[in-house]
Amino acid sequence: MTELDDRLERFETLTAECELIAKLATDSNKREFYLKLSEQYRQLAVDMRQAIATRAAA
């Protein structure tokens, strides 16, 4: 597994963890914070997938 694959896996894990925390949060501010954070990690994972695909195509 390459460093990019490791990072992709980490971003996907963080996305899932933030989504779980958001679901369990009773405070609406915390829920909103973790939902936004999960979206940022999800976008990082998408970007990482694109970087991996670009590297594989080269």
C-alpha atoms as a PDB file:
ATOM      1  CA  MET A   1       0.000   0.000   0.000  1.00  0.00           C
ATOM      2  CA  THR A   2       1.394   3.375  -0.946  1.00  0.00           C
ATOM      3  CA  GLU A   3       1.426   6.529   1.115  1.00  0.00           C
ATOM      4  CA  LEU A   4      -1.463   7.896  -0.969  1.00  0.00           C
ATOM      5  CA  ASP A   5      -3.504   4.770  -0.280  1.00  0.00           C
ATOM      6  CA  ASP A   6      -2.776   5.133   3.422  1.00  0.00           C
ATOM      7  CA  ARG A   7      -3.956   8.734   3.376  1.00  0.00           C
ATOM      8  CA  LEU A   8      -7.096   7.815   1.449  1.00  0.00           C
ATOM      9  CA  GLU A   9      -7.937   5.153   4.009  1.00  0.00           C
ATOM     10  CA  ARG A  10      -7.342   7.622   6.849  1.00  0.00           C
ATOM     11  CA  PHE A  11      -9.608  10.269   5.276  1.00  0.00           C
ATOM     12  CA  GLU A  12     -12.355   7.687   4.768  1.00  0.00           C
ATOM     13  CA  THR A  13     -12.022   6.569   8.389  1.00  0.00           C
ATOM     14  CA  LEU A  14     -12.165  10.141   9.658  1.00  0.00           C
ATOM     15  CA  THR A  15     -15.241  10.798   7.523  1.00  0.00           C
ATOM     16  CA  ALA A  16     -17.042   7.819   9.042  1.00  0.00           C
ATOM     17  CA  GLU A  17     -15.998   8.748  12.583  1.00  0.00           C
ATOM     18  CA  CYS A  18     -17.204  12.329  12.197  1.00  0.00           C
ATOM     19  CA  GLU A  19     -20.526  11.160  10.768  1.00  0.00           C
ATOM     20  CA  LEU A  20     -20.995   8.816  13.729  1.00  0.00           C
ATOM     21  CA  ILE A  21     -20.156  11.538  16.236  1.00  0.00           C
ATOM     22  CA  ALA A  22     -22.610  13.878  14.479  1.00  0.00           C
ATOM     23  CA  LYS A  23     -25.363  11.262  14.707  1.00  0.00           C
ATOM     24  CA  LEU A  24     -24.723  10.752  18.402  1.00  0.00           C
ATOM     25  CA  ALA A  25     -24.326  14.434  19.303  1.00  0.00           C
ATOM     26  CA  THR A  26     -27.112  15.909  21.355  1.00  0.00           C
ATOM     27  CA  ASP A  27     -25.825  19.470  20.992  1.00  0.00           C
ATOM     28  CA  SER A  28     -26.902  20.947  17.640  1.00  0.00           C
ATOM     29  CA  ASN A  29     -23.736  23.058  17.354  1.00  0.00           C
ATOM     30  CA  LYS A  30     -21.519  20.004  17.775  1.00  0.00           C
ATOM     31  CA  ARG A  31     -23.675  18.031  15.349  1.00  0.00           C
ATOM     32  CA  GLU A  32     -23.318  20.742  12.727  1.00  0.00           C
ATOM     33  CA  PHE A  33     -19.561  21.027  13.361  1.00  0.00           C
ATOM     34  CA  TYR A  34     -18.967  17.298  12.882  1.00  0.00           C
ATOM     35  CA  LEU A  35     -21.158  17.164   9.792  1.00  0.00           C
ATOM     36  CA  LYS A  36     -19.119  19.966   8.208  1.00  0.00           C
ATOM     37  CA  LEU A  37     -15.899  18.272   9.254  1.00  0.00           C
ATOM     38  CA  SER A  38     -17.044  14.985   7.708  1.00  0.00           C
ATOM     39  CA  GLU A  39     -17.781  16.794   4.436  1.00  0.00           C
ATOM     40  CA  GLN A  40     -14.267  18.241   4.419  1.00  0.00           C
ATOM     41  CA  TYR A  41     -12.746  14.800   4.997  1.00  0.00           C
ATOM     42  CA  ARG A  42     -14.992  13.357   2.289  1.00  0.00           C
ATOM     43  CA  GLN A  43     -13.715  15.964  -0.176  1.00  0.00           C
ATOM     44  CA  LEU A  44     -10.125  15.187   0.796  1.00  0.00           C
ATOM     45  CA  ALA A  45     -10.827  11.511   0.086  1.00  0.00           C
ATOM     46  CA  VAL A  46     -12.252  12.394  -3.337  1.00  0.00           C
ATOM     47  CA  ASP A  47      -9.184  14.500  -4.092  1.00  0.00           C
ATOM     48  CA  MET A  48      -6.905  11.681  -2.953  1.00  0.00           C
ATOM     49  CA  ARG A  49      -8.714   9.184  -5.212  1.00  0.00           C
ATOM     50  CA  GLN A  50      -8.152  11.554  -8.129  1.00  0.00           C
ATOM     51  CA  ALA A  51      -4.459  11.879  -7.262  1.00  0.00           C
ATOM     52  CA  ILE A  52      -4.119   8.091  -7.108  1.00  0.00           C
ATOM     53  CA  ALA A  53      -5.873   7.700 -10.463  1.00  0.00           C
ATOM     54  CA  THR A  54      -3.686  10.385 -12.028  1.00  0.00           C
ATOM     55  CA  ARG A  55      -0.550   8.733 -10.738  1.00  0.00           C
ATOM     56  CA  ALA A  56      -1.714   5.314 -11.991  1.00  0.00           C
ATOM     57  CA  ALA A  57      -2.454   6.730 -15.442  1.00  0.00           C
ATOM     58  CA  ALA A  58       0.997   8.331 -15.735  1.00  0.00           C
END
